[in-house]
Amino acid sequence: MISSDAWKKIKLVICDIDGVLTDGRVGYGAEDFIKFFHYRDGHWLKLAMRAGLMVGWLSGRKSKANTLRANELGITFLKENCTDKLASFEEILKEYHLNADECFYIGDDVIDLPVMRRCGIAVAVADGVPELDEAADFRTQNRGGCGAVCEAMRRLLAEQGKLDEILERYRR
């Protein structure tokens, strides 16, 4: 069980991209990869930012699609070509003057394990590899690219006591 204090400490949400924000499939076009991002995941990341959280993406691959979507959403940072995600995570902590326990990480594969072991709250998407269970604080019910990030953001905002306030504008 995740303590109330752990939820309240979170200041930064970090998402893997392929398999978390997308369904993990990669299509090849003439110039770049074709990726599909779930619109609700993007909307709930924007809601998290409106609630005062920073949101960043950490990916092992580089893609124009990643940059386009990150720019469209106003993501705090995008770090690509991260073959050592833990080293990239440590750089992020220094750059944003954060402690590891202030970070919420969502992953789907073994490359995410080192960061998941180090961060404050670690989340595995429903269709993530079973090896993540050793580090994940919880698993989403939705698959990567199919609303998993939306689900995780909704829970984070609720646990931080920010959900009702952030949804008020939609209840009018």
N, C-alpha and C. Protein backbone atom coordinates (compact mmCIF):
# COMPACT_ATOMS: atom_id res chain seq x y z
N MET A 1 0.84 -1.19 0.00
CA MET A 1 0.00 0.00 0.00
C MET A 1 0.88 1.25 0.00
N ILE A 2 0.50 2.21 -0.77
CA ILE A 2 1.25 3.46 -0.89
C ILE A 2 0.75 4.43 0.18
N SER A 3 1.68 4.98 0.94
CA SER A 3 1.28 5.90 2.01
C SER A 3 0.75 7.21 1.46
N SER A 4 -0.07 7.86 2.24
CA SER A 4 -0.61 9.17 1.89
C SER A 4 0.52 10.17 1.67
N ASP A 5 1.56 10.09 2.50
CA ASP A 5 2.71 10.98 2.36
C ASP A 5 3.41 10.79 1.02
N ALA A 6 3.54 9.53 0.59
CA ALA A 6 4.21 9.26 -0.69
C ALA A 6 3.47 9.93 -1.84
N TRP A 7 2.15 9.85 -1.85
CA TRP A 7 1.35 10.49 -2.90
C TRP A 7 1.54 12.01 -2.88
N LYS A 8 1.52 12.58 -1.71
CA LYS A 8 1.59 14.04 -1.57
C LYS A 8 2.96 14.60 -1.96
N LYS A 9 4.00 13.79 -1.90
CA LYS A 9 5.36 14.24 -2.26
C LYS A 9 5.55 14.41 -3.76
N ILE A 10 4.72 13.76 -4.56
CA ILE A 10 4.95 13.72 -6.01
C ILE A 10 4.84 15.11 -6.62
N LYS A 11 5.90 15.48 -7.36
CA LYS A 11 5.96 16.76 -8.08
C LYS A 11 6.17 16.56 -9.58
N LEU A 12 6.70 15.40 -9.94
CA LEU A 12 7.05 15.13 -11.34
C LEU A 12 6.53 13.76 -11.76
N VAL A 13 5.83 13.73 -12.89
CA VAL A 13 5.37 12.50 -13.51
C VAL A 13 6.28 12.24 -14.70
N ILE A 14 6.84 11.03 -14.77
CA ILE A 14 7.68 10.65 -15.90
C ILE A 14 7.05 9.43 -16.57
N CYS A 15 6.86 9.54 -17.88
CA CYS A 15 6.29 8.44 -18.65
C CYS A 15 7.31 7.92 -19.66
N ASP A 16 7.42 6.61 -19.74
CA ASP A 16 8.04 5.99 -20.90
C ASP A 16 7.09 6.28 -22.06
N ILE A 17 7.56 6.18 -23.28
CA ILE A 17 6.68 6.47 -24.41
C ILE A 17 6.16 5.20 -25.07
N ASP A 18 7.05 4.43 -25.69
CA ASP A 18 6.62 3.24 -26.44
C ASP A 18 6.15 2.16 -25.48
N GLY A 19 4.88 1.80 -25.58
CA GLY A 19 4.30 0.80 -24.70
C GLY A 19 3.57 1.39 -23.51
N VAL A 20 3.72 2.70 -23.29
CA VAL A 20 3.02 3.39 -22.21
C VAL A 20 2.10 4.45 -22.79
N LEU A 21 2.67 5.42 -23.49
CA LEU A 21 1.86 6.44 -24.17
C LEU A 21 1.37 5.95 -25.53
N THR A 22 2.01 4.93 -26.05
CA THR A 22 1.55 4.28 -27.28
C THR A 22 1.32 2.82 -26.95
N ASP A 23 0.73 2.08 -27.88
CA ASP A 23 0.47 0.66 -27.63
C ASP A 23 1.70 -0.21 -27.86
N GLY A 24 2.82 0.41 -28.15
CA GLY A 24 4.06 -0.34 -28.31
C GLY A 24 4.37 -0.78 -29.72
N ARG A 25 3.40 -0.64 -30.61
CA ARG A 25 3.67 -0.98 -32.01
C ARG A 25 4.40 0.16 -32.68
N VAL A 26 5.22 -0.16 -33.66
CA VAL A 26 5.92 0.87 -34.43
C VAL A 26 5.65 0.61 -35.90
N GLY A 27 5.14 1.64 -36.59
CA GLY A 27 4.95 1.57 -38.03
C GLY A 27 6.01 2.41 -38.70
N TYR A 28 6.52 1.95 -39.80
CA TYR A 28 7.56 2.69 -40.49
C TYR A 28 6.98 3.43 -41.69
N GLY A 29 7.26 4.74 -41.73
CA GLY A 29 6.86 5.56 -42.86
C GLY A 29 8.11 5.93 -43.65
N ALA A 30 7.96 6.81 -44.60
CA ALA A 30 9.08 7.20 -45.44
C ALA A 30 10.14 7.96 -44.66
N GLU A 31 9.74 8.77 -43.68
CA GLU A 31 10.69 9.61 -42.97
C GLU A 31 10.84 9.28 -41.49
N ASP A 32 9.84 8.72 -40.87
CA ASP A 32 9.92 8.51 -39.43
C ASP A 32 8.94 7.42 -39.02
N PHE A 33 8.93 7.11 -37.74
CA PHE A 33 8.01 6.14 -37.20
C PHE A 33 6.60 6.72 -37.16
N ILE A 34 5.64 5.85 -37.31
CA ILE A 34 4.24 6.23 -37.12
C ILE A 34 3.83 5.69 -35.76
N LYS A 35 3.32 6.57 -34.91
CA LYS A 35 2.90 6.17 -33.57
C LYS A 35 1.50 6.71 -33.32
N PHE A 36 0.79 6.02 -32.47
CA PHE A 36 -0.55 6.45 -32.10
C PHE A 36 -0.59 6.68 -30.60
N PHE A 37 -0.94 7.91 -30.22
CA PHE A 37 -1.06 8.30 -28.82
C PHE A 37 -2.54 8.39 -28.48
N HIS A 38 -2.91 7.95 -27.29
CA HIS A 38 -4.31 7.99 -26.87
C HIS A 38 -4.66 9.41 -26.43
N TYR A 39 -5.76 9.95 -26.94
CA TYR A 39 -6.11 11.34 -26.64
C TYR A 39 -6.40 11.56 -25.16
N ARG A 40 -7.01 10.59 -24.48
CA ARG A 40 -7.30 10.78 -23.05
C ARG A 40 -6.03 10.82 -22.21
N ASP A 41 -5.03 10.04 -22.59
CA ASP A 41 -3.75 10.10 -21.87
C ASP A 41 -3.19 11.51 -21.95
N GLY A 42 -3.22 12.09 -23.14
CA GLY A 42 -2.72 13.46 -23.31
C GLY A 42 -3.52 14.47 -22.51
N HIS A 43 -4.84 14.33 -22.53
CA HIS A 43 -5.68 15.26 -21.80
C HIS A 43 -5.41 15.18 -20.30
N TRP A 44 -5.27 13.99 -19.77
CA TRP A 44 -5.04 13.84 -18.34
C TRP A 44 -3.63 14.27 -17.94
N LEU A 45 -2.69 14.20 -18.85
CA LEU A 45 -1.37 14.77 -18.55
C LEU A 45 -1.49 16.29 -18.46
N LYS A 46 -2.29 16.88 -19.34
CA LYS A 46 -2.53 18.33 -19.26
C LYS A 46 -3.23 18.69 -17.95
N LEU A 47 -4.18 17.87 -17.52
CA LEU A 47 -4.85 18.12 -16.25
C LEU A 47 -3.86 18.04 -15.09
N ALA A 48 -2.95 17.10 -15.15
CA ALA A 48 -1.92 16.98 -14.11
C ALA A 48 -1.05 18.24 -14.07
N MET A 49 -0.73 18.76 -15.26
CA MET A 49 0.07 19.99 -15.31
C MET A 49 -0.73 21.17 -14.76
N ARG A 50 -2.02 21.23 -15.07
CA ARG A 50 -2.86 22.29 -14.51
C ARG A 50 -2.93 22.22 -12.99
N ALA A 51 -2.79 21.01 -12.47
CA ALA A 51 -2.82 20.80 -11.02
C ALA A 51 -1.46 21.10 -10.37
N GLY A 52 -0.50 21.53 -11.18
CA GLY A 52 0.79 21.94 -10.63
C GLY A 52 1.91 20.91 -10.74
N LEU A 53 1.66 19.80 -11.38
CA LEU A 53 2.69 18.79 -11.54
C LEU A 53 3.49 19.04 -12.82
N MET A 54 4.75 18.69 -12.79
CA MET A 54 5.57 18.68 -14.00
C MET A 54 5.40 17.31 -14.64
N VAL A 55 5.50 17.26 -15.98
CA VAL A 55 5.36 16.00 -16.71
C VAL A 55 6.49 15.90 -17.71
N GLY A 56 7.19 14.78 -17.69
CA GLY A 56 8.27 14.56 -18.64
C GLY A 56 8.20 13.17 -19.24
N TRP A 57 8.85 13.03 -20.38
CA TRP A 57 8.88 11.75 -21.07
C TRP A 57 10.31 11.29 -21.22
N LEU A 58 10.54 10.00 -21.02
CA LEU A 58 11.86 9.38 -21.07
C LEU A 58 11.74 8.18 -21.99
N SER A 59 12.48 8.20 -23.11
CA SER A 59 12.32 7.14 -24.10
C SER A 59 13.67 6.59 -24.57
N GLY A 60 13.68 5.31 -24.84
CA GLY A 60 14.86 4.68 -25.41
C GLY A 60 15.03 4.97 -26.88
N ARG A 61 13.97 5.45 -27.52
CA ARG A 61 14.00 5.75 -28.96
C ARG A 61 13.80 7.24 -29.20
N LYS A 62 14.23 7.67 -30.36
CA LYS A 62 14.02 9.05 -30.79
C LYS A 62 13.06 9.02 -31.97
N SER A 63 12.11 9.95 -31.97
CA SER A 63 11.13 9.98 -33.04
C SER A 63 10.54 11.38 -33.16
N LYS A 64 10.30 11.80 -34.40
CA LYS A 64 9.63 13.09 -34.63
C LYS A 64 8.23 13.08 -34.01
N ALA A 65 7.60 11.92 -34.03
CA ALA A 65 6.25 11.82 -33.45
C ALA A 65 6.28 12.15 -31.96
N ASN A 66 7.32 11.71 -31.26
CA ASN A 66 7.45 12.03 -29.83
C ASN A 66 7.53 13.54 -29.63
N THR A 67 8.37 14.18 -30.43
CA THR A 67 8.57 15.63 -30.31
C THR A 67 7.30 16.39 -30.63
N LEU A 68 6.62 15.99 -31.69
CA LEU A 68 5.38 16.67 -32.07
C LEU A 68 4.33 16.57 -30.96
N ARG A 69 4.15 15.37 -30.40
CA ARG A 69 3.14 15.19 -29.36
C ARG A 69 3.54 15.91 -28.07
N ALA A 70 4.82 15.83 -27.70
CA ALA A 70 5.29 16.52 -26.49
C ALA A 70 5.09 18.03 -26.61
N ASN A 71 5.40 18.59 -27.77
CA ASN A 71 5.22 20.03 -27.99
C ASN A 71 3.75 20.41 -27.97
N GLU A 72 2.91 19.58 -28.57
CA GLU A 72 1.47 19.85 -28.60
C GLU A 72 0.90 19.91 -27.18
N LEU A 73 1.38 19.04 -26.30
CA LEU A 73 0.87 18.98 -24.93
C LEU A 73 1.57 19.93 -23.97
N GLY A 74 2.71 20.49 -24.38
CA GLY A 74 3.46 21.37 -23.49
C GLY A 74 4.19 20.62 -22.39
N ILE A 75 4.66 19.43 -22.71
CA ILE A 75 5.37 18.59 -21.75
C ILE A 75 6.62 19.31 -21.24
N THR A 76 6.91 19.19 -19.96
CA THR A 76 8.04 19.87 -19.33
C THR A 76 9.36 19.50 -19.98
N PHE A 77 9.59 18.21 -20.24
CA PHE A 77 10.81 17.79 -20.92
C PHE A 77 10.57 16.48 -21.67
N LEU A 78 11.39 16.29 -22.70
CA LEU A 78 11.40 15.06 -23.48
C LEU A 78 12.86 14.63 -23.60
N LYS A 79 13.19 13.47 -23.08
CA LYS A 79 14.55 12.92 -23.19
C LYS A 79 14.44 11.64 -23.99
N GLU A 80 15.16 11.60 -25.12
CA GLU A 80 15.11 10.45 -26.02
C GLU A 80 16.49 9.80 -26.15
N ASN A 81 16.51 8.64 -26.79
CA ASN A 81 17.74 7.85 -26.97
C ASN A 81 18.38 7.51 -25.63
N CYS A 82 17.56 7.26 -24.64
CA CYS A 82 18.06 6.94 -23.30
C CYS A 82 18.28 5.43 -23.18
N THR A 83 19.49 5.00 -23.46
CA THR A 83 19.79 3.58 -23.34
C THR A 83 20.01 3.20 -21.87
N ASP A 84 20.37 4.17 -21.05
CA ASP A 84 20.50 3.97 -19.60
C ASP A 84 19.51 4.93 -18.93
N LYS A 85 18.31 4.44 -18.71
CA LYS A 85 17.26 5.31 -18.18
C LYS A 85 17.56 5.78 -16.76
N LEU A 86 18.26 4.99 -15.98
CA LEU A 86 18.59 5.41 -14.62
C LEU A 86 19.53 6.61 -14.64
N ALA A 87 20.53 6.58 -15.52
CA ALA A 87 21.45 7.73 -15.65
C ALA A 87 20.67 8.97 -16.09
N SER A 88 19.75 8.81 -17.02
CA SER A 88 18.92 9.94 -17.47
C SER A 88 18.04 10.44 -16.34
N PHE A 89 17.50 9.53 -15.55
CA PHE A 89 16.67 9.89 -14.40
C PHE A 89 17.48 10.71 -13.40
N GLU A 90 18.69 10.29 -13.13
CA GLU A 90 19.55 11.03 -12.19
C GLU A 90 19.84 12.45 -12.71
N GLU A 91 20.03 12.59 -14.02
CA GLU A 91 20.22 13.92 -14.62
C GLU A 91 18.98 14.79 -14.43
N ILE A 92 17.82 14.19 -14.60
CA ILE A 92 16.55 14.91 -14.43
C ILE A 92 16.42 15.41 -12.98
N LEU A 93 16.75 14.54 -12.03
CA LEU A 93 16.69 14.93 -10.62
C LEU A 93 17.56 16.15 -10.36
N LYS A 94 18.76 16.15 -10.90
CA LYS A 94 19.67 17.29 -10.70
C LYS A 94 19.14 18.54 -11.40
N GLU A 95 18.71 18.37 -12.64
CA GLU A 95 18.24 19.51 -13.43
C GLU A 95 17.04 20.21 -12.80
N TYR A 96 16.14 19.43 -12.21
CA TYR A 96 14.91 20.00 -11.65
C TYR A 96 14.94 20.10 -10.12
N HIS A 97 16.10 19.83 -9.54
CA HIS A 97 16.30 19.94 -8.09
C HIS A 97 15.26 19.14 -7.31
N LEU A 98 15.14 17.87 -7.68
CA LEU A 98 14.16 16.98 -7.06
C LEU A 98 14.84 15.80 -6.38
N ASN A 99 14.13 15.21 -5.44
CA ASN A 99 14.53 13.94 -4.85
C ASN A 99 13.79 12.84 -5.60
N ALA A 100 14.34 11.66 -5.60
CA ALA A 100 13.72 10.54 -6.31
C ALA A 100 12.31 10.25 -5.81
N ASP A 101 12.08 10.44 -4.50
CA ASP A 101 10.75 10.14 -3.96
C ASP A 101 9.69 11.16 -4.35
N GLU A 102 10.07 12.20 -5.08
CA GLU A 102 9.13 13.19 -5.59
C GLU A 102 8.69 12.87 -7.02
N CYS A 103 9.11 11.70 -7.51
CA CYS A 103 8.84 11.32 -8.90
C CYS A 103 7.93 10.10 -8.99
N PHE A 104 7.03 10.16 -9.95
CA PHE A 104 6.04 9.13 -10.27
C PHE A 104 6.40 8.62 -11.65
N TYR A 105 6.67 7.34 -11.81
CA TYR A 105 7.15 6.81 -13.09
C TYR A 105 6.21 5.73 -13.60
N ILE A 106 5.94 5.77 -14.91
CA ILE A 106 5.09 4.76 -15.54
C ILE A 106 5.89 4.05 -16.62
N GLY A 107 6.00 2.73 -16.52
CA GLY A 107 6.78 1.95 -17.48
C GLY A 107 6.07 0.69 -17.93
N ASP A 108 6.71 0.01 -18.89
CA ASP A 108 6.11 -1.21 -19.44
C ASP A 108 7.09 -2.36 -19.65
N ASP A 109 8.41 -2.09 -19.56
CA ASP A 109 9.37 -3.14 -19.92
C ASP A 109 10.57 -3.10 -18.98
N VAL A 110 11.42 -4.09 -19.08
CA VAL A 110 12.54 -4.24 -18.15
C VAL A 110 13.51 -3.06 -18.16
N ILE A 111 13.60 -2.33 -19.27
CA ILE A 111 14.47 -1.14 -19.31
C ILE A 111 14.01 -0.08 -18.30
N ASP A 112 12.75 -0.15 -17.89
CA ASP A 112 12.19 0.80 -16.92
C ASP A 112 12.45 0.41 -15.47
N LEU A 113 12.85 -0.82 -15.22
CA LEU A 113 13.01 -1.32 -13.85
C LEU A 113 13.95 -0.49 -12.97
N PRO A 114 15.14 -0.11 -13.43
CA PRO A 114 16.02 0.67 -12.55
C PRO A 114 15.38 1.98 -12.05
N VAL A 115 14.66 2.67 -12.93
CA VAL A 115 14.01 3.92 -12.52
C VAL A 115 12.84 3.60 -11.59
N MET A 116 12.10 2.56 -11.90
CA MET A 116 10.95 2.18 -11.08
C MET A 116 11.39 1.83 -9.65
N ARG A 117 12.56 1.20 -9.53
CA ARG A 117 13.08 0.86 -8.19
C ARG A 117 13.49 2.11 -7.41
N ARG A 118 13.86 3.16 -8.10
CA ARG A 118 14.43 4.36 -7.47
C ARG A 118 13.40 5.45 -7.18
N CYS A 119 12.34 5.54 -7.96
CA CYS A 119 11.39 6.66 -7.83
C CYS A 119 10.45 6.47 -6.63
N GLY A 120 9.68 7.52 -6.35
CA GLY A 120 8.76 7.50 -5.22
C GLY A 120 7.60 6.55 -5.40
N ILE A 121 6.94 6.63 -6.56
CA ILE A 121 5.83 5.73 -6.88
C ILE A 121 6.04 5.22 -8.30
N ALA A 122 6.03 3.89 -8.44
CA ALA A 122 6.26 3.25 -9.73
C ALA A 122 4.99 2.54 -10.19
N VAL A 123 4.67 2.72 -11.47
CA VAL A 123 3.46 2.15 -12.04
C VAL A 123 3.82 1.31 -13.26
N ALA A 124 3.23 0.14 -13.35
CA ALA A 124 3.35 -0.70 -14.54
C ALA A 124 2.02 -0.67 -15.28
N VAL A 125 2.07 -0.55 -16.60
CA VAL A 125 0.83 -0.62 -17.37
C VAL A 125 0.35 -2.07 -17.39
N ALA A 126 -0.93 -2.28 -17.63
CA ALA A 126 -1.55 -3.60 -17.55
C ALA A 126 -0.82 -4.65 -18.38
N ASP A 127 -0.38 -4.29 -19.57
CA ASP A 127 0.27 -5.26 -20.44
C ASP A 127 1.79 -5.19 -20.37
N GLY A 128 2.31 -4.54 -19.33
CA GLY A 128 3.76 -4.52 -19.14
C GLY A 128 4.27 -5.90 -18.76
N VAL A 129 5.55 -6.11 -18.92
CA VAL A 129 6.14 -7.43 -18.64
C VAL A 129 6.01 -7.77 -17.15
N PRO A 130 5.89 -9.06 -16.84
CA PRO A 130 5.70 -9.48 -15.44
C PRO A 130 6.86 -9.09 -14.52
N GLU A 131 8.05 -8.93 -15.06
CA GLU A 131 9.20 -8.57 -14.25
C GLU A 131 9.02 -7.24 -13.53
N LEU A 132 8.12 -6.40 -14.00
CA LEU A 132 7.90 -5.10 -13.37
C LEU A 132 7.21 -5.21 -12.01
N ASP A 133 6.57 -6.34 -11.76
CA ASP A 133 5.84 -6.50 -10.50
C ASP A 133 6.73 -6.35 -9.27
N GLU A 134 8.01 -6.66 -9.40
CA GLU A 134 8.91 -6.53 -8.26
C GLU A 134 9.13 -5.08 -7.85
N ALA A 135 8.94 -4.15 -8.77
CA ALA A 135 9.19 -2.74 -8.48
C ALA A 135 7.94 -1.87 -8.50
N ALA A 136 6.89 -2.34 -9.14
CA ALA A 136 5.68 -1.52 -9.30
C ALA A 136 4.87 -1.44 -8.01
N ASP A 137 4.43 -0.23 -7.70
CA ASP A 137 3.53 -0.04 -6.57
C ASP A 137 2.10 -0.44 -6.95
N PHE A 138 1.77 -0.31 -8.23
CA PHE A 138 0.51 -0.82 -8.74
C PHE A 138 0.57 -0.96 -10.24
N ARG A 139 -0.36 -1.72 -10.78
CA ARG A 139 -0.51 -1.93 -12.21
C ARG A 139 -1.82 -1.31 -12.64
N THR A 140 -1.82 -0.64 -13.78
CA THR A 140 -3.07 -0.09 -14.29
C THR A 140 -3.97 -1.23 -14.80
N GLN A 141 -5.23 -0.95 -14.94
CA GLN A 141 -6.13 -1.91 -15.56
C GLN A 141 -6.10 -1.77 -17.08
N ASN A 142 -5.78 -0.55 -17.54
CA ASN A 142 -5.72 -0.28 -18.98
C ASN A 142 -4.32 -0.57 -19.51
N ARG A 143 -4.28 -1.01 -20.76
CA ARG A 143 -3.01 -1.29 -21.43
C ARG A 143 -2.32 0.00 -21.85
N GLY A 144 -1.04 -0.11 -22.11
CA GLY A 144 -0.28 1.02 -22.63
C GLY A 144 -0.87 1.49 -23.94
N GLY A 145 -0.97 2.81 -24.10
CA GLY A 145 -1.54 3.38 -25.32
C GLY A 145 -3.05 3.30 -25.38
N CYS A 146 -3.68 2.77 -24.33
CA CYS A 146 -5.13 2.58 -24.30
C CYS A 146 -5.74 3.14 -23.03
N GLY A 147 -5.21 4.26 -22.55
CA GLY A 147 -5.77 4.91 -21.38
C GLY A 147 -5.07 4.60 -20.07
N ALA A 148 -3.95 3.91 -20.09
CA ALA A 148 -3.22 3.59 -18.86
C ALA A 148 -2.73 4.86 -18.16
N VAL A 149 -2.23 5.81 -18.92
CA VAL A 149 -1.72 7.05 -18.33
C VAL A 149 -2.88 7.87 -17.75
N CYS A 150 -3.98 7.92 -18.45
CA CYS A 150 -5.19 8.59 -17.95
C CYS A 150 -5.57 8.00 -16.60
N GLU A 151 -5.61 6.69 -16.52
CA GLU A 151 -5.97 6.00 -15.28
C GLU A 151 -4.99 6.35 -14.15
N ALA A 152 -3.70 6.33 -14.44
CA ALA A 152 -2.69 6.64 -13.43
C ALA A 152 -2.77 8.09 -12.97
N MET A 153 -3.02 9.02 -13.91
CA MET A 153 -3.12 10.43 -13.55
C MET A 153 -4.36 10.69 -12.71
N ARG A 154 -5.43 10.03 -13.05
CA ARG A 154 -6.67 10.17 -12.27
C ARG A 154 -6.45 9.73 -10.83
N ARG A 155 -5.76 8.60 -10.67
CA ARG A 155 -5.48 8.12 -9.31
C ARG A 155 -4.54 9.06 -8.57
N LEU A 156 -3.49 9.52 -9.24
CA LEU A 156 -2.54 10.44 -8.60
C LEU A 156 -3.24 11.72 -8.15
N LEU A 157 -4.03 12.31 -9.02
CA LEU A 157 -4.74 13.55 -8.66
C LEU A 157 -5.73 13.30 -7.52
N ALA A 158 -6.40 12.17 -7.53
CA ALA A 158 -7.34 11.84 -6.44
C ALA A 158 -6.59 11.69 -5.12
N GLU A 159 -5.48 10.96 -5.15
CA GLU A 159 -4.71 10.72 -3.92
C GLU A 159 -4.09 12.01 -3.38
N GLN A 160 -3.81 12.95 -4.27
CA GLN A 160 -3.26 14.23 -3.83
C GLN A 160 -4.35 15.22 -3.42
N GLY A 161 -5.61 14.81 -3.55
CA GLY A 161 -6.72 15.67 -3.18
C GLY A 161 -6.98 16.79 -4.18
N LYS A 162 -6.55 16.61 -5.43
CA LYS A 162 -6.68 17.64 -6.45
C LYS A 162 -7.73 17.32 -7.51
N LEU A 163 -8.27 16.12 -7.50
CA LEU A 163 -9.15 15.68 -8.58
C LEU A 163 -10.42 16.51 -8.67
N ASP A 164 -11.13 16.70 -7.56
CA ASP A 164 -12.39 17.45 -7.60
C ASP A 164 -12.17 18.87 -8.10
N GLU A 165 -11.11 19.50 -7.63
CA GLU A 165 -10.83 20.88 -8.06
C GLU A 165 -10.53 20.96 -9.55
N ILE A 166 -9.73 20.02 -10.04
CA ILE A 166 -9.34 20.05 -11.45
C ILE A 166 -10.52 19.73 -12.37
N LEU A 167 -11.48 18.97 -11.86
CA LEU A 167 -12.65 18.59 -12.67
C LEU A 167 -13.80 19.59 -12.57
N GLU A 168 -13.72 20.53 -11.65
CA GLU A 168 -14.80 21.48 -11.42
C GLU A 168 -15.21 22.20 -12.70
N ARG A 169 -14.26 22.59 -13.52
CA ARG A 169 -14.60 23.33 -14.74
C ARG A 169 -15.44 22.50 -15.71
N TYR A 170 -15.41 21.17 -15.60
CA TYR A 170 -16.19 20.32 -16.49
C TYR A 170 -17.56 19.98 -15.91
N ARG A 171 -17.79 20.35 -14.68
CA ARG A 171 -19.06 20.02 -14.02
C ARG A 171 -20.07 21.14 -14.10
N ARG A 172 -19.71 22.23 -14.70
CA ARG A 172 -20.62 23.39 -14.78
C ARG A 172 -21.72 23.19 -15.77
